[in-house]
PDB file of all heavy atoms in Angstrom:
ATOM      1  N   GLN A   1      -4.839   8.100   4.684  1.00  0.00           N
ATOM      2  CA  GLN A   1      -5.437   7.847   5.996  1.00  0.00           C
ATOM      3  C   GLN A   1      -4.699   6.730   6.767  1.00  0.00           C
ATOM      4  O   GLN A   1      -4.612   6.744   7.979  1.00  0.00           O
ATOM      5  CB  GLN A   1      -6.915   7.443   5.820  1.00  0.00           C
ATOM      6  CG  GLN A   1      -7.804   8.591   5.402  1.00  0.00           C
ATOM      7  CD  GLN A   1      -9.206   8.145   5.014  1.00  0.00           C
ATOM      8  OE1 GLN A   1      -9.438   6.976   4.725  1.00  0.00           O
ATOM      9  NE2 GLN A   1     -10.157   9.095   5.028  1.00  0.00           N
ATOM     10  N   LYS A   2      -4.129   5.803   6.013  1.00  0.00           N
ATOM     11  CA  LYS A   2      -3.414   4.678   6.637  1.00  0.00           C
ATOM     12  C   LYS A   2      -1.926   4.730   6.366  1.00  0.00           C
ATOM     13  O   LYS A   2      -1.252   3.708   6.347  1.00  0.00           O
ATOM     14  CB  LYS A   2      -4.001   3.345   6.119  1.00  0.00           C
ATOM     15  CG  LYS A   2      -5.488   3.188   6.450  1.00  0.00           C
ATOM     16  CD  LYS A   2      -5.975   1.835   6.054  1.00  0.00           C
ATOM     17  CE  LYS A   2      -7.436   1.687   6.541  1.00  0.00           C
ATOM     18  NZ  LYS A   2      -7.870   0.353   6.522  1.00  0.00           N
ATOM     19  N   ARG A   3      -1.417   5.940   6.247  1.00  0.00           N
ATOM     20  CA  ARG A   3       0.004   6.129   5.928  1.00  0.00           C
ATOM     21  C   ARG A   3       0.930   5.488   6.947  1.00  0.00           C
ATOM     22  O   ARG A   3       2.064   5.072   6.627  1.00  0.00           O
ATOM     23  CB  ARG A   3       0.368   7.580   5.680  1.00  0.00           C
ATOM     24  CG  ARG A   3       0.159   8.472   6.857  1.00  0.00           C
ATOM     25  CD  ARG A   3       0.341   9.934   6.440  1.00  0.00           C
ATOM     26  NE  ARG A   3       0.056  10.851   7.538  1.00  0.00           N
ATOM     27  CZ  ARG A   3      -1.150  11.300   7.885  1.00  0.00           C
ATOM     28  NH1 ARG A   3      -2.200  10.953   7.146  1.00  0.00           N
ATOM     29  NH2 ARG A   3      -1.280  12.128   8.884  1.00  0.00           N
ATOM     30  N   ALA A   4       0.440   5.327   8.175  1.00  0.00           N
ATOM     31  CA  ALA A   4       1.288   4.682   9.221  1.00  0.00           C
ATOM     32  C   ALA A   4       1.438   3.218   8.918  1.00  0.00           C
ATOM     33  O   ALA A   4       2.423   2.599   9.332  1.00  0.00           O
ATOM     34  CB  ALA A   4       0.618   4.881  10.594  1.00  0.00           C
ATOM     35  N   GLN A   5       0.499   2.617   8.188  1.00  0.00           N
ATOM     36  CA  GLN A   5       0.588   1.171   7.820  1.00  0.00           C
ATOM     37  C   GLN A   5       1.286   0.931   6.511  1.00  0.00           C
ATOM     38  O   GLN A   5       1.581  -0.214   6.126  1.00  0.00           O
ATOM     39  CB  GLN A   5      -0.834   0.586   7.746  1.00  0.00           C
ATOM     40  CG  GLN A   5      -1.602   0.671   9.039  1.00  0.00           C
ATOM     41  CD  GLN A   5      -3.057   0.251   8.816  1.00  0.00           C
ATOM     42  OE1 GLN A   5      -3.446  -0.295   7.802  1.00  0.00           O
ATOM     43  NE2 GLN A   5      -3.880   0.523   9.812  1.00  0.00           N
ATOM     44  N   LEU A   6       1.565   2.023   5.806  1.00  0.00           N
ATOM     45  CA  LEU A   6       2.206   1.912   4.474  1.00  0.00           C
ATOM     46  C   LEU A   6       3.617   1.307   4.618  1.00  0.00           C
ATOM     47  O   LEU A   6       4.420   1.814   5.435  1.00  0.00           O
ATOM     48  CB  LEU A   6       2.292   3.294   3.844  1.00  0.00           C
ATOM     49  CG  LEU A   6       2.614   3.384   2.335  1.00  0.00           C
ATOM     50  CD1 LEU A   6       1.513   2.706   1.546  1.00  0.00           C
ATOM     51  CD2 LEU A   6       2.744   4.837   1.946  1.00  0.00           C
ATOM     52  N   PRO A   7       3.935   0.236   3.887  1.00  0.00           N
ATOM     53  CA  PRO A   7       5.285  -0.360   4.020  1.00  0.00           C
ATOM     54  C   PRO A   7       6.371   0.654   3.614  1.00  0.00           C
ATOM     55  O   PRO A   7       6.161   1.525   2.772  1.00  0.00           O
ATOM     56  CB  PRO A   7       5.258  -1.521   3.012  1.00  0.00           C
ATOM     57  CG  PRO A   7       3.775  -1.823   2.846  1.00  0.00           C
ATOM     58  CD  PRO A   7       3.104  -0.504   2.996  1.00  0.00           C
ATOM     59  N   VAL A   8       7.509   0.502   4.211  1.00  0.00           N
ATOM     60  CA  VAL A   8       8.635   1.419   3.933  1.00  0.00           C
ATOM     61  C   VAL A   8       9.258   1.111   2.582  1.00  0.00           C
ATOM     62  O   VAL A   8       9.619   2.042   1.831  1.00  0.00           O
ATOM     63  CB  VAL A   8       9.691   1.298   5.057  1.00  0.00           C
ATOM     64  CG1 VAL A   8      10.907   2.142   4.791  1.00  0.00           C
ATOM     65  CG2 VAL A   8       9.091   1.660   6.416  1.00  0.00           C
ATOM     66  N   ASP A   9       9.407  -0.116   2.255  1.00  0.00           N
ATOM     67  CA  ASP A   9       9.980  -0.532   0.995  1.00  0.00           C
ATOM     68  C   ASP A   9       9.069  -0.066  -0.177  1.00  0.00           C
ATOM     69  O   ASP A   9       7.872  -0.214  -0.150  1.00  0.00           O
ATOM     70  CB  ASP A   9      10.135  -2.066   0.920  1.00  0.00           C
ATOM     71  CG  ASP A   9      10.748  -2.527  -0.371  1.00  0.00           C
ATOM     72  OD1 ASP A   9      11.930  -2.225  -0.610  1.00  0.00           O
ATOM     73  OD2 ASP A   9      10.002  -3.158  -1.171  1.00  0.00           O
ATOM     74  N   VAL A  10       9.669   0.513  -1.197  1.00  0.00           N
ATOM     75  CA  VAL A  10       8.926   1.096  -2.340  1.00  0.00           C
ATOM     76  C   VAL A  10       8.109   0.011  -3.056  1.00  0.00           C
ATOM     77  O   VAL A  10       6.963   0.225  -3.379  1.00  0.00           O
ATOM     78  CB  VAL A  10       9.883   1.765  -3.317  1.00  0.00           C
ATOM     79  CG1 VAL A  10       9.149   2.258  -4.544  1.00  0.00           C
ATOM     80  CG2 VAL A  10      10.588   2.960  -2.659  1.00  0.00           C
ATOM     81  N   THR A  11       8.684  -1.138  -3.297  1.00  0.00           N
ATOM     82  CA  THR A  11       7.977  -2.205  -3.986  1.00  0.00           C
ATOM     83  C   THR A  11       6.819  -2.712  -3.131  1.00  0.00           C
ATOM     84  O   THR A  11       5.714  -2.918  -3.638  1.00  0.00           O
ATOM     85  CB  THR A  11       8.919  -3.372  -4.321  1.00  0.00           C
ATOM     86  OG1 THR A  11       9.984  -2.881  -5.116  1.00  0.00           O
ATOM     87  CG2 THR A  11       8.210  -4.489  -5.067  1.00  0.00           C
ATOM     88  N   ASP A  12       7.061  -2.897  -1.843  1.00  0.00           N
ATOM     89  CA  ASP A  12       6.000  -3.343  -0.941  1.00  0.00           C
ATOM     90  C   ASP A  12       4.874  -2.287  -0.861  1.00  0.00           C
ATOM     91  O   ASP A  12       3.709  -2.660  -0.822  1.00  0.00           O
ATOM     92  CB  ASP A  12       6.543  -3.640   0.433  1.00  0.00           C
ATOM     93  CG  ASP A  12       7.437  -4.873   0.470  1.00  0.00           C
ATOM     94  OD1 ASP A  12       7.338  -5.706  -0.464  1.00  0.00           O
ATOM     95  OD2 ASP A  12       8.226  -5.016   1.446  1.00  0.00           O
ATOM     96  N   ALA A  13       5.273  -1.038  -0.793  1.00  0.00           N
ATOM     97  CA  ALA A  13       4.280   0.048  -0.739  1.00  0.00           C
ATOM     98  C   ALA A  13       3.427   0.088  -2.007  1.00  0.00           C
ATOM     99  O   ALA A  13       2.206   0.255  -1.955  1.00  0.00           O
ATOM    100  CB  ALA A  13       4.994   1.397  -0.534  1.00  0.00           C
ATOM    101  N   ARG A  14       4.083  -0.141  -3.160  1.00  0.00           N
ATOM    102  CA  ARG A  14       3.373  -0.193  -4.421  1.00  0.00           C
ATOM    103  C   ARG A  14       2.346  -1.338  -4.432  1.00  0.00           C
ATOM    104  O   ARG A  14       1.215  -1.182  -4.796  1.00  0.00           O
ATOM    105  CB  ARG A  14       4.356  -0.326  -5.588  1.00  0.00           C
ATOM    106  CG  ARG A  14       3.747  -0.334  -6.930  1.00  0.00           C
ATOM    107  CD  ARG A  14       4.828  -0.294  -8.008  1.00  0.00           C
ATOM    108  NE  ARG A  14       4.283  -0.231  -9.328  1.00  0.00           N
ATOM    109  CZ  ARG A  14       3.985  -1.282 -10.108  1.00  0.00           C
ATOM    110  NH1 ARG A  14       4.246  -2.485  -9.682  1.00  0.00           N
ATOM    111  NH2 ARG A  14       3.467  -1.132 -11.274  1.00  0.00           N
ATOM    112  N   MET A  15       2.778  -2.494  -3.990  1.00  0.00           N
ATOM    113  CA  MET A  15       1.896  -3.661  -3.950  1.00  0.00           C
ATOM    114  C   MET A  15       0.771  -3.445  -2.970  1.00  0.00           C
ATOM    115  O   MET A  15      -0.373  -3.822  -3.209  1.00  0.00           O
ATOM    116  CB  MET A  15       2.683  -4.930  -3.597  1.00  0.00           C
ATOM    117  CG  MET A  15       3.765  -5.292  -4.638  1.00  0.00           C
ATOM    118  SD  MET A  15       3.142  -5.313  -6.339  1.00  0.00           S
ATOM    119  CE  MET A  15       1.933  -6.615  -6.265  1.00  0.00           C
ATOM    120  N   TRP A  16       1.064  -2.821  -1.838  1.00  0.00           N
ATOM    121  CA  TRP A  16       0.048  -2.499  -0.820  1.00  0.00           C
ATOM    122  C   TRP A  16      -1.026  -1.610  -1.455  1.00  0.00           C
ATOM    123  O   TRP A  16      -2.223  -1.821  -1.304  1.00  0.00           O
ATOM    124  CB  TRP A  16       0.702  -1.883   0.378  1.00  0.00           C
ATOM    125  CG  TRP A  16      -0.230  -1.523   1.517  1.00  0.00           C
ATOM    126  CD1 TRP A  16      -0.642  -2.341   2.525  1.00  0.00           C
ATOM    127  CD2 TRP A  16      -0.892  -0.287   1.721  1.00  0.00           C
ATOM    128  NE1 TRP A  16      -1.502  -1.690   3.358  1.00  0.00           N
ATOM    129  CE2 TRP A  16      -1.683  -0.402   2.885  1.00  0.00           C
ATOM    130  CE3 TRP A  16      -0.904   0.931   1.056  1.00  0.00           C
ATOM    131  CZ2 TRP A  16      -2.467   0.614   3.398  1.00  0.00           C
ATOM    132  CZ3 TRP A  16      -1.663   1.979   1.553  1.00  0.00           C
ATOM    133  CH2 TRP A  16      -2.437   1.830   2.721  1.00  0.00           C
ATOM    134  N   LEU A  17      -0.538  -0.578  -2.173  1.00  0.00           N
ATOM    135  CA  LEU A  17      -1.463   0.384  -2.806  1.00  0.00           C
ATOM    136  C   LEU A  17      -2.312  -0.288  -3.879  1.00  0.00           C
ATOM    137  O   LEU A  17      -3.497  -0.037  -3.982  1.00  0.00           O
ATOM    138  CB  LEU A  17      -0.699   1.572  -3.364  1.00  0.00           C
ATOM    139  CG  LEU A  17      -1.489   2.805  -3.750  1.00  0.00           C
ATOM    140  CD1 LEU A  17      -2.344   3.300  -2.553  1.00  0.00           C
ATOM    141  CD2 LEU A  17      -0.556   3.906  -4.189  1.00  0.00           C
ATOM    142  N   PHE A  18      -1.708  -1.181  -4.652  1.00  0.00           N
ATOM    143  CA  PHE A  18      -2.492  -1.916  -5.645  1.00  0.00           C
ATOM    144  C   PHE A  18      -3.495  -2.858  -4.979  1.00  0.00           C
ATOM    145  O   PHE A  18      -4.576  -3.076  -5.496  1.00  0.00           O
ATOM    146  CB  PHE A  18      -1.553  -2.688  -6.613  1.00  0.00           C
ATOM    147  CG  PHE A  18      -1.171  -1.888  -7.846  1.00  0.00           C
ATOM    148  CD1 PHE A  18      -0.108  -1.013  -7.779  1.00  0.00           C
ATOM    149  CD2 PHE A  18      -1.924  -1.979  -8.999  1.00  0.00           C
ATOM    150  CE1 PHE A  18       0.247  -0.277  -8.880  1.00  0.00           C
ATOM    151  CE2 PHE A  18      -1.598  -1.206 -10.113  1.00  0.00           C
ATOM    152  CZ  PHE A  18      -0.493  -0.377 -10.082  1.00  0.00           C
ATOM    153  N   GLY A  19      -3.126  -3.371  -3.817  1.00  0.00           N
ATOM    154  CA  GLY A  19      -4.103  -4.192  -3.048  1.00  0.00           C
ATOM    155  C   GLY A  19      -5.281  -3.364  -2.617  1.00  0.00           C
ATOM    156  O   GLY A  19      -6.432  -3.815  -2.696  1.00  0.00           O
ATOM    157  N   VAL A  20      -5.015  -2.101  -2.196  1.00  0.00           N
ATOM    158  CA  VAL A  20      -6.121  -1.203  -1.853  1.00  0.00           C
ATOM    159  C   VAL A  20      -6.989  -0.965  -3.062  1.00  0.00           C
ATOM    160  O   VAL A  20      -8.231  -1.017  -2.993  1.00  0.00           O
ATOM    161  CB  VAL A  20      -5.573   0.138  -1.290  1.00  0.00           C
ATOM    162  CG1 VAL A  20      -6.648   1.194  -1.174  1.00  0.00           C
ATOM    163  CG2 VAL A  20      -4.901  -0.087   0.068  1.00  0.00           C
ATOM    164  N   ALA A  21      -6.357  -0.703  -4.218  1.00  0.00           N
ATOM    165  CA  ALA A  21      -7.107  -0.450  -5.448  1.00  0.00           C
ATOM    166  C   ALA A  21      -7.945  -1.677  -5.841  1.00  0.00           C
ATOM    167  O   ALA A  21      -9.076  -1.534  -6.276  1.00  0.00           O
ATOM    168  CB  ALA A  21      -6.137  -0.071  -6.587  1.00  0.00           C
ATOM    169  N   ARG A  22      -7.365  -2.851  -5.690  1.00  0.00           N
ATOM    170  CA  ARG A  22      -8.080  -4.085  -6.006  1.00  0.00           C
ATOM    171  C   ARG A  22      -9.324  -4.230  -5.136  1.00  0.00           C
ATOM    172  O   ARG A  22     -10.417  -4.576  -5.589  1.00  0.00           O
ATOM    173  CB  ARG A  22      -7.151  -5.278  -5.799  1.00  0.00           C
ATOM    174  CG  ARG A  22      -7.807  -6.614  -6.173  1.00  0.00           C
ATOM    175  CD  ARG A  22      -6.787  -7.723  -6.094  1.00  0.00           C
ATOM    176  NE  ARG A  22      -7.380  -9.017  -6.331  1.00  0.00           N
ATOM    177  CZ  ARG A  22      -7.894  -9.793  -5.395  1.00  0.00           C
ATOM    178  NH1 ARG A  22      -7.856  -9.386  -4.109  1.00  0.00           N
ATOM    179  NH2 ARG A  22      -8.434 -10.910  -5.688  1.00  0.00           N
ATOM    180  N   ASN A  23      -9.180  -3.923  -3.824  1.00  0.00           N
ATOM    181  CA  ASN A  23     -10.335  -3.983  -2.920  1.00  0.00           C
ATOM    182  C   ASN A  23     -11.390  -2.969  -3.305  1.00  0.00           C
ATOM    183  O   ASN A  23     -12.575  -3.278  -3.251  1.00  0.00           O
ATOM    184  CB  ASN A  23      -9.874  -3.787  -1.466  1.00  0.00           C
ATOM    185  CG  ASN A  23      -9.121  -4.974  -0.935  1.00  0.00           C
ATOM    186  OD1 ASN A  23      -9.237  -6.080  -1.423  1.00  0.00           O
ATOM    187  ND2 ASN A  23      -8.279  -4.702   0.064  1.00  0.00           N
ATOM    188  N   LEU A  24     -10.947  -1.778  -3.683  1.00  0.00           N
ATOM    189  CA  LEU A  24     -11.932  -0.743  -4.102  1.00  0.00           C
ATOM    190  C   LEU A  24     -12.648  -1.208  -5.383  1.00  0.00           C
ATOM    191  O   LEU A  24     -13.862  -0.962  -5.546  1.00  0.00           O
ATOM    192  CB  LEU A  24     -11.221   0.568  -4.326  1.00  0.00           C
ATOM    193  CG  LEU A  24     -10.710   1.266  -3.060  1.00  0.00           C
ATOM    194  CD1 LEU A  24      -9.781   2.470  -3.404  1.00  0.00           C
ATOM    195  CD2 LEU A  24     -11.892   1.738  -2.216  1.00  0.00           C
TER     196      LEU A  24
END
């Protein structure tokens, strides 16, 4: 749903996704 906000860098994208998981 927020793919437009997903960072381009693979490491940053991974950390962003883990941040989402942490919030969940």
